[in-house]
Amino acid sequence: MIAPSPNIIHDPNVLPALRELFSRYPAMMQNGPETLSRALFVLRYVPYRPKPFEVEAALEALVLDGEVAA
């Protein structure tokens, strides 16, 4: 596994928002970063639409041994 680059821009609000989204809507775990980005904004988990790469980075942080740890 490759270690994350320290130069990746990371929004600290996306990870907790994604955890909350998954805890309330477990079926959302099947969606990709673009859909999740839109859902986080539309459902008001964050006050802006995060970039898909920010959502993807948060998803990678949640993945443990091939399963999402929400």
PDB file of N, CA and C in Angstrom:
ATOM      1  N   MET A   1       0.838  -1.172   0.000  1.00  0.00           N
ATOM      2  CA  MET A   1       0.000   0.000   0.000  1.00  0.00           C
ATOM      3  C   MET A   1       0.883   1.235   0.000  1.00  0.00           C
ATOM      4  N   ILE A   2       0.504   2.228  -0.790  1.00  0.00           N
ATOM      5  CA  ILE A   2       1.271   3.461  -0.914  1.00  0.00           C
ATOM      6  C   ILE A   2       0.797   4.445   0.145  1.00  0.00           C
ATOM      7  N   ALA A   3       1.742   5.082   0.814  1.00  0.00           N
ATOM      8  CA  ALA A   3       1.397   6.083   1.833  1.00  0.00           C
ATOM      9  C   ALA A   3       0.854   7.328   1.151  1.00  0.00           C
ATOM     10  N   PRO A   4      -0.136   8.001   1.782  1.00  0.00           N
ATOM     11  CA  PRO A   4      -0.689   9.202   1.176  1.00  0.00           C
ATOM     12  C   PRO A   4       0.357  10.302   1.082  1.00  0.00           C
ATOM     13  N   SER A   5       0.252  11.082   0.042  1.00  0.00           N
ATOM     14  CA  SER A   5       1.164  12.196  -0.164  1.00  0.00           C
ATOM     15  C   SER A   5       0.841  13.318   0.813  1.00  0.00           C
ATOM     16  N   PRO A   6       1.852  13.921   1.437  1.00  0.00           N
ATOM     17  CA  PRO A   6       1.584  15.020   2.364  1.00  0.00           C
ATOM     18  C   PRO A   6       1.081  16.270   1.658  1.00  0.00           C
ATOM     19  N   ASN A   7       1.179  16.313   0.329  1.00  0.00           N
ATOM     20  CA  ASN A   7       0.748  17.488  -0.424  1.00  0.00           C
ATOM     21  C   ASN A   7      -0.727  17.453  -0.806  1.00  0.00           C
ATOM     22  N   ILE A   8      -1.429  16.372  -0.492  1.00  0.00           N
ATOM     23  CA  ILE A   8      -2.842  16.272  -0.823  1.00  0.00           C
ATOM     24  C   ILE A   8      -3.627  17.233   0.060  1.00  0.00           C
ATOM     25  N   ILE A   9      -4.468  18.034  -0.568  1.00  0.00           N
ATOM     26  CA  ILE A   9      -5.313  18.954   0.192  1.00  0.00           C
ATOM     27  C   ILE A   9      -6.396  18.134   0.867  1.00  0.00           C
ATOM     28  N   HIS A  10      -6.538  18.317   2.161  1.00  0.00           N
ATOM     29  CA  HIS A  10      -7.510  17.542   2.926  1.00  0.00           C
ATOM     30  C   HIS A  10      -8.427  18.488   3.679  1.00  0.00           C
ATOM     31  N   ASP A  11      -9.718  18.327   3.503  1.00  0.00           N
ATOM     32  CA  ASP A  11     -10.707  19.119   4.229  1.00  0.00           C
ATOM     33  C   ASP A  11     -11.131  18.314   5.449  1.00  0.00           C
ATOM     34  N   PRO A  12     -10.850  18.806   6.653  1.00  0.00           N
ATOM     35  CA  PRO A  12     -11.165  18.035   7.856  1.00  0.00           C
ATOM     36  C   PRO A  12     -12.659  17.857   8.115  1.00  0.00           C
ATOM     37  N   ASN A  13     -13.518  18.599   7.430  1.00  0.00           N
ATOM     38  CA  ASN A  13     -14.961  18.484   7.631  1.00  0.00           C
ATOM     39  C   ASN A  13     -15.579  17.312   6.876  1.00  0.00           C
ATOM     40  N   VAL A  14     -14.931  16.862   5.836  1.00  0.00           N
ATOM     41  CA  VAL A  14     -15.520  15.838   4.976  1.00  0.00           C
ATOM     42  C   VAL A  14     -15.572  14.473   5.669  1.00  0.00           C
ATOM     43  N   LEU A  15     -14.520  14.088   6.358  1.00  0.00           N
ATOM     44  CA  LEU A  15     -14.482  12.767   6.991  1.00  0.00           C
ATOM     45  C   LEU A  15     -15.597  12.590   8.027  1.00  0.00           C
ATOM     46  N   PRO A  16     -15.765  13.499   8.999  1.00  0.00           N
ATOM     47  CA  PRO A  16     -16.868  13.304   9.956  1.00  0.00           C
ATOM     48  C   PRO A  16     -18.243  13.394   9.295  1.00  0.00           C
ATOM     49  N   ALA A  17     -18.368  14.236   8.269  1.00  0.00           N
ATOM     50  CA  ALA A  17     -19.646  14.345   7.563  1.00  0.00           C
ATOM     51  C   ALA A  17     -19.968  13.042   6.840  1.00  0.00           C
ATOM     52  N   LEU A  18     -18.961  12.433   6.247  1.00  0.00           N
ATOM     53  CA  LEU A  18     -19.147  11.166   5.542  1.00  0.00           C
ATOM     54  C   LEU A  18     -19.527  10.057   6.520  1.00  0.00           C
ATOM     55  N   ARG A  19     -18.886  10.027   7.684  1.00  0.00           N
ATOM     56  CA  ARG A  19     -19.243   9.046   8.709  1.00  0.00           C
ATOM     57  C   ARG A  19     -20.712   9.191   9.108  1.00  0.00           C
ATOM     58  N   GLU A  20     -21.144  10.425   9.319  1.00  0.00           N
ATOM     59  CA  GLU A  20     -22.529  10.684   9.720  1.00  0.00           C
ATOM     60  C   GLU A  20     -23.494  10.279   8.606  1.00  0.00           C
ATOM     61  N   LEU A  21     -23.151  10.614   7.376  1.00  0.00           N
ATOM     62  CA  LEU A  21     -23.986  10.242   6.230  1.00  0.00           C
ATOM     63  C   LEU A  21     -24.160   8.725   6.176  1.00  0.00           C
ATOM     64  N   PHE A  22     -23.057   7.975   6.305  1.00  0.00           N
ATOM     65  CA  PHE A  22     -23.121   6.524   6.245  1.00  0.00           C
ATOM     66  C   PHE A  22     -23.883   5.932   7.426  1.00  0.00           C
ATOM     67  N   SER A  23     -23.793   6.568   8.586  1.00  0.00           N
ATOM     68  CA  SER A  23     -24.511   6.027   9.743  1.00  0.00           C
ATOM     69  C   SER A  23     -26.015   6.188   9.580  1.00  0.00           C
ATOM     70  N   ARG A  24     -26.441   7.238   8.912  1.00  0.00           N
ATOM     71  CA  ARG A  24     -27.879   7.473   8.699  1.00  0.00           C
ATOM     72  C   ARG A  24     -28.395   6.819   7.426  1.00  0.00           C
ATOM     73  N   TYR A  25     -27.548   6.725   6.425  1.00  0.00           N
ATOM     74  CA  TYR A  25     -27.945   6.162   5.125  1.00  0.00           C
ATOM     75  C   TYR A  25     -26.910   5.122   4.688  1.00  0.00           C
ATOM     76  N   PRO A  26     -26.922   3.923   5.277  1.00  0.00           N
ATOM     77  CA  PRO A  26     -25.900   2.915   4.945  1.00  0.00           C
ATOM     78  C   PRO A  26     -25.837   2.560   3.454  1.00  0.00           C
ATOM     79  N   ALA A  27     -26.937   2.656   2.749  1.00  0.00           N
ATOM     80  CA  ALA A  27     -26.940   2.335   1.319  1.00  0.00           C
ATOM     81  C   ALA A  27     -26.050   3.287   0.515  1.00  0.00           C
ATOM     82  N   MET A  28     -25.752   4.447   1.066  1.00  0.00           N
ATOM     83  CA  MET A  28     -24.898   5.420   0.373  1.00  0.00           C
ATOM     84  C   MET A  28     -23.463   4.913   0.224  1.00  0.00           C
ATOM     85  N   MET A  29     -23.097   3.894   0.998  1.00  0.00           N
ATOM     86  CA  MET A  29     -21.741   3.343   0.900  1.00  0.00           C
ATOM     87  C   MET A  29     -21.469   2.749  -0.480  1.00  0.00           C
ATOM     88  N   GLN A  30     -22.521   2.496  -1.245  1.00  0.00           N
ATOM     89  CA  GLN A  30     -22.371   1.897  -2.574  1.00  0.00           C
ATOM     90  C   GLN A  30     -22.068   2.943  -3.649  1.00  0.00           C
ATOM     91  N   ASN A  31     -22.113   4.223  -3.304  1.00  0.00           N
ATOM     92  CA  ASN A  31     -21.940   5.300  -4.276  1.00  0.00           C
ATOM     93  C   ASN A  31     -20.493   5.758  -4.381  1.00  0.00           C
ATOM     94  N   GLY A  32     -20.201   6.414  -5.494  1.00  0.00           N
ATOM     95  CA  GLY A  32     -18.865   6.940  -5.736  1.00  0.00           C
ATOM     96  C   GLY A  32     -18.692   8.349  -5.195  1.00  0.00           C
ATOM     97  N   PRO A  33     -17.478   8.877  -5.290  1.00  0.00           N
ATOM     98  CA  PRO A  33     -17.165  10.189  -4.736  1.00  0.00           C
ATOM     99  C   PRO A  33     -18.016  11.337  -5.280  1.00  0.00           C
ATOM    100  N   GLU A  34     -18.346  11.310  -6.556  1.00  0.00           N
ATOM    101  CA  GLU A  34     -19.147  12.392  -7.147  1.00  0.00           C
ATOM    102  C   GLU A  34     -20.545  12.433  -6.518  1.00  0.00           C
ATOM    103  N   THR A  35     -21.181  11.285  -6.416  1.00  0.00           N
ATOM    104  CA  THR A  35     -22.521  11.196  -5.825  1.00  0.00           C
ATOM    105  C   THR A  35     -22.481  11.550  -4.346  1.00  0.00           C
ATOM    106  N   LEU A  36     -21.466  11.075  -3.653  1.00  0.00           N
ATOM    107  CA  LEU A  36     -21.338  11.363  -2.227  1.00  0.00           C
ATOM    108  C   LEU A  36     -21.082  12.850  -1.985  1.00  0.00           C
ATOM    109  N   SER A  37     -20.300  13.463  -2.845  1.00  0.00           N
ATOM    110  CA  SER A  37     -20.052  14.900  -2.754  1.00  0.00           C
ATOM    111  C   SER A  37     -21.363  15.676  -2.842  1.00  0.00           C
ATOM    112  N   ARG A  38     -22.160  15.308  -3.822  1.00  0.00           N
ATOM    113  CA  ARG A  38     -23.459  15.959  -4.013  1.00  0.00           C
ATOM    114  C   ARG A  38     -24.378  15.712  -2.811  1.00  0.00           C
ATOM    115  N   ALA A  39     -24.401  14.482  -2.309  1.00  0.00           N
ATOM    116  CA  ALA A  39     -25.264  14.134  -1.175  1.00  0.00           C
ATOM    117  C   ALA A  39     -24.855  14.892   0.081  1.00  0.00           C
ATOM    118  N   LEU A  40     -23.560  15.020   0.339  1.00  0.00           N
ATOM    119  CA  LEU A  40     -23.100  15.742   1.520  1.00  0.00           C
ATOM    120  C   LEU A  40     -23.586  17.187   1.511  1.00  0.00           C
ATOM    121  N   PHE A  41     -23.614  17.773   0.327  1.00  0.00           N
ATOM    122  CA  PHE A  41     -24.074  19.158   0.210  1.00  0.00           C
ATOM    123  C   PHE A  41     -25.602  19.264   0.250  1.00  0.00           C
ATOM    124  N   VAL A  42     -26.274  18.471  -0.554  1.00  0.00           N
ATOM    125  CA  VAL A  42     -27.733  18.538  -0.649  1.00  0.00           C
ATOM    126  C   VAL A  42     -28.401  18.192   0.679  1.00  0.00           C
ATOM    127  N   LEU A  43     -27.854  17.221   1.391  1.00  0.00           N
ATOM    128  CA  LEU A  43     -28.416  16.825   2.682  1.00  0.00           C
ATOM    129  C   LEU A  43     -27.883  17.675   3.836  1.00  0.00           C
ATOM    130  N   ARG A  44     -27.099  18.685   3.508  1.00  0.00           N
ATOM    131  CA  ARG A  44     -26.594  19.695   4.456  1.00  0.00           C
ATOM    132  C   ARG A  44     -25.658  19.153   5.530  1.00  0.00           C
ATOM    133  N   TYR A  45     -24.840  18.197   5.148  1.00  0.00           N
ATOM    134  CA  TYR A  45     -23.805  17.729   6.064  1.00  0.00           C
ATOM    135  C   TYR A  45     -22.618  18.685   6.057  1.00  0.00           C
ATOM    136  N   VAL A  46     -22.431  19.372   4.951  1.00  0.00           N
ATOM    137  CA  VAL A  46     -21.423  20.429   4.831  1.00  0.00           C
ATOM    138  C   VAL A  46     -22.059  21.597   4.084  1.00  0.00           C
ATOM    139  N   PRO A  47     -21.597  22.844   4.327  1.00  0.00           N
ATOM    140  CA  PRO A  47     -22.217  24.020   3.714  1.00  0.00           C
ATOM    141  C   PRO A  47     -21.753  24.317   2.289  1.00  0.00           C
ATOM    142  N   TYR A  48     -21.037  23.414   1.674  1.00  0.00           N
ATOM    143  CA  TYR A  48     -20.496  23.583   0.328  1.00  0.00           C
ATOM    144  C   TYR A  48     -20.380  22.203  -0.284  1.00  0.00           C
ATOM    145  N   ARG A  49     -20.210  22.138  -1.574  1.00  0.00           N
ATOM    146  CA  ARG A  49     -20.039  20.827  -2.220  1.00  0.00           C
ATOM    147  C   ARG A  49     -18.552  20.489  -2.263  1.00  0.00           C
ATOM    148  N   PRO A  50     -18.146  19.480  -1.491  1.00  0.00           N
ATOM    149  CA  PRO A  50     -16.723  19.127  -1.502  1.00  0.00           C
ATOM    150  C   PRO A  50     -16.293  18.577  -2.862  1.00  0.00           C
ATOM    151  N   LYS A  51     -15.037  18.752  -3.161  1.00  0.00           N
ATOM    152  CA  LYS A  51     -14.482  18.210  -4.405  1.00  0.00           C
ATOM    153  C   LYS A  51     -14.482  16.685  -4.314  1.00  0.00           C
ATOM    154  N   PRO A  52     -14.749  15.998  -5.418  1.00  0.00           N
ATOM    155  CA  PRO A  52     -14.749  14.529  -5.394  1.00  0.00           C
ATOM    156  C   PRO A  52     -13.450  13.930  -4.859  1.00  0.00           C
ATOM    157  N   PHE A  53     -12.306  14.572  -5.130  1.00  0.00           N
ATOM    158  CA  PHE A  53     -11.051  14.014  -4.623  1.00  0.00           C
ATOM    159  C   PHE A  53     -10.979  14.128  -3.101  1.00  0.00           C
ATOM    160  N   GLU A  54     -11.642  15.125  -2.506  1.00  0.00           N
ATOM    161  CA  GLU A  54     -11.682  15.233  -1.047  1.00  0.00           C
ATOM    162  C   GLU A  54     -12.531  14.099  -0.460  1.00  0.00           C
ATOM    163  N   VAL A  55     -13.634  13.800  -1.141  1.00  0.00           N
ATOM    164  CA  VAL A  55     -14.491  12.694  -0.698  1.00  0.00           C
ATOM    165  C   VAL A  55     -13.748  11.374  -0.855  1.00  0.00           C
ATOM    166  N   GLU A  56     -13.035  11.227  -1.952  1.00  0.00           N
ATOM    167  CA  GLU A  56     -12.276   9.996  -2.179  1.00  0.00           C
ATOM    168  C   GLU A  56     -11.201   9.804  -1.106  1.00  0.00           C
ATOM    169  N   ALA A  57     -10.534  10.876  -0.713  1.00  0.00           N
ATOM    170  CA  ALA A  57      -9.524  10.791   0.343  1.00  0.00           C
ATOM    171  C   ALA A  57     -10.174  10.385   1.670  1.00  0.00           C
ATOM    172  N   ALA A  58     -11.349  10.935   1.958  1.00  0.00           N
ATOM    173  CA  ALA A  58     -12.064  10.573   3.188  1.00  0.00           C
ATOM    174  C   ALA A  58     -12.510   9.117   3.141  1.00  0.00           C
ATOM    175  N   LEU A  59     -12.943   8.654   1.975  1.00  0.00           N
ATOM    176  CA  LEU A  59     -13.329   7.250   1.830  1.00  0.00           C
ATOM    177  C   LEU A  59     -12.147   6.329   2.105  1.00  0.00           C
ATOM    178  N   GLU A  60     -10.983   6.692   1.597  1.00  0.00           N
ATOM    179  CA  GLU A  60      -9.791   5.876   1.825  1.00  0.00           C
ATOM    180  C   GLU A  60      -9.453   5.829   3.306  1.00  0.00           C
ATOM    181  N   ALA A  61      -9.681   6.929   4.019  1.00  0.00           N
ATOM    182  CA  ALA A  61      -9.419   6.962   5.460  1.00  0.00           C
ATOM    183  C   ALA A  61     -10.383   6.059   6.221  1.00  0.00           C
ATOM    184  N   LEU A  62     -11.572   5.867   5.668  1.00  0.00           N
ATOM    185  CA  LEU A  62     -12.573   5.027   6.336  1.00  0.00           C
ATOM    186  C   LEU A  62     -12.394   3.541   6.067  1.00  0.00           C
ATOM    187  N   VAL A  63     -11.675   3.196   5.019  1.00  0.00           N
ATOM    188  CA  VAL A  63     -11.546   1.797   4.623  1.00  0.00           C
ATOM    189  C   VAL A  63     -10.494   1.090   5.486  1.00  0.00           C
ATOM    190  N   LEU A  64     -10.939   0.021   6.127  1.00  0.00           N
ATOM    191  CA  LEU A  64     -10.047  -0.812   6.931  1.00  0.00           C
ATOM    192  C   LEU A  64     -10.255  -2.264   6.529  1.00  0.00           C
ATOM    193  N   ASP A  65      -9.215  -2.894   6.068  1.00  0.00           N
ATOM    194  CA  ASP A  65      -9.281  -4.307   5.644  1.00  0.00           C
ATOM    195  C   ASP A  65     -10.398  -4.568   4.646  1.00  0.00           C
ATOM    196  N   GLY A  66     -10.570  -3.648   3.702  1.00  0.00           N
ATOM    197  CA  GLY A  66     -11.559  -3.850   2.653  1.00  0.00           C
ATOM    198  C   GLY A  66     -12.988  -3.524   3.043  1.00  0.00           C
ATOM    199  N   GLU A  67     -13.221  -3.055   4.260  1.00  0.00           N
ATOM    200  CA  GLU A  67     -14.580  -2.702   4.688  1.00  0.00           C
ATOM    201  C   GLU A  67     -14.593  -1.253   5.168  1.00  0.00           C
ATOM    202  N   VAL A  68     -15.732  -0.621   5.000  1.00  0.00           N
ATOM    203  CA  VAL A  68     -15.866   0.762   5.444  1.00  0.00           C
ATOM    204  C   VAL A  68     -16.145   0.762   6.937  1.00  0.00           C
ATOM    205  N   ALA A  69     -15.373   1.531   7.670  1.00  0.00           N
ATOM    206  CA  ALA A  69     -15.549   1.649   9.115  1.00  0.00           C
ATOM    207  C   ALA A  69     -16.266   2.954   9.425  1.00  0.00           C
ATOM    208  N   ALA A  70     -17.537   2.973   9.246  1.00  0.00           N
ATOM    209  CA  ALA A  70     -18.324   4.180   9.523  1.00  0.00           C
ATOM    210  C   ALA A  70     -18.655   4.156  10.952  1.00  0.00           C
TER     211      ALA A  70
END
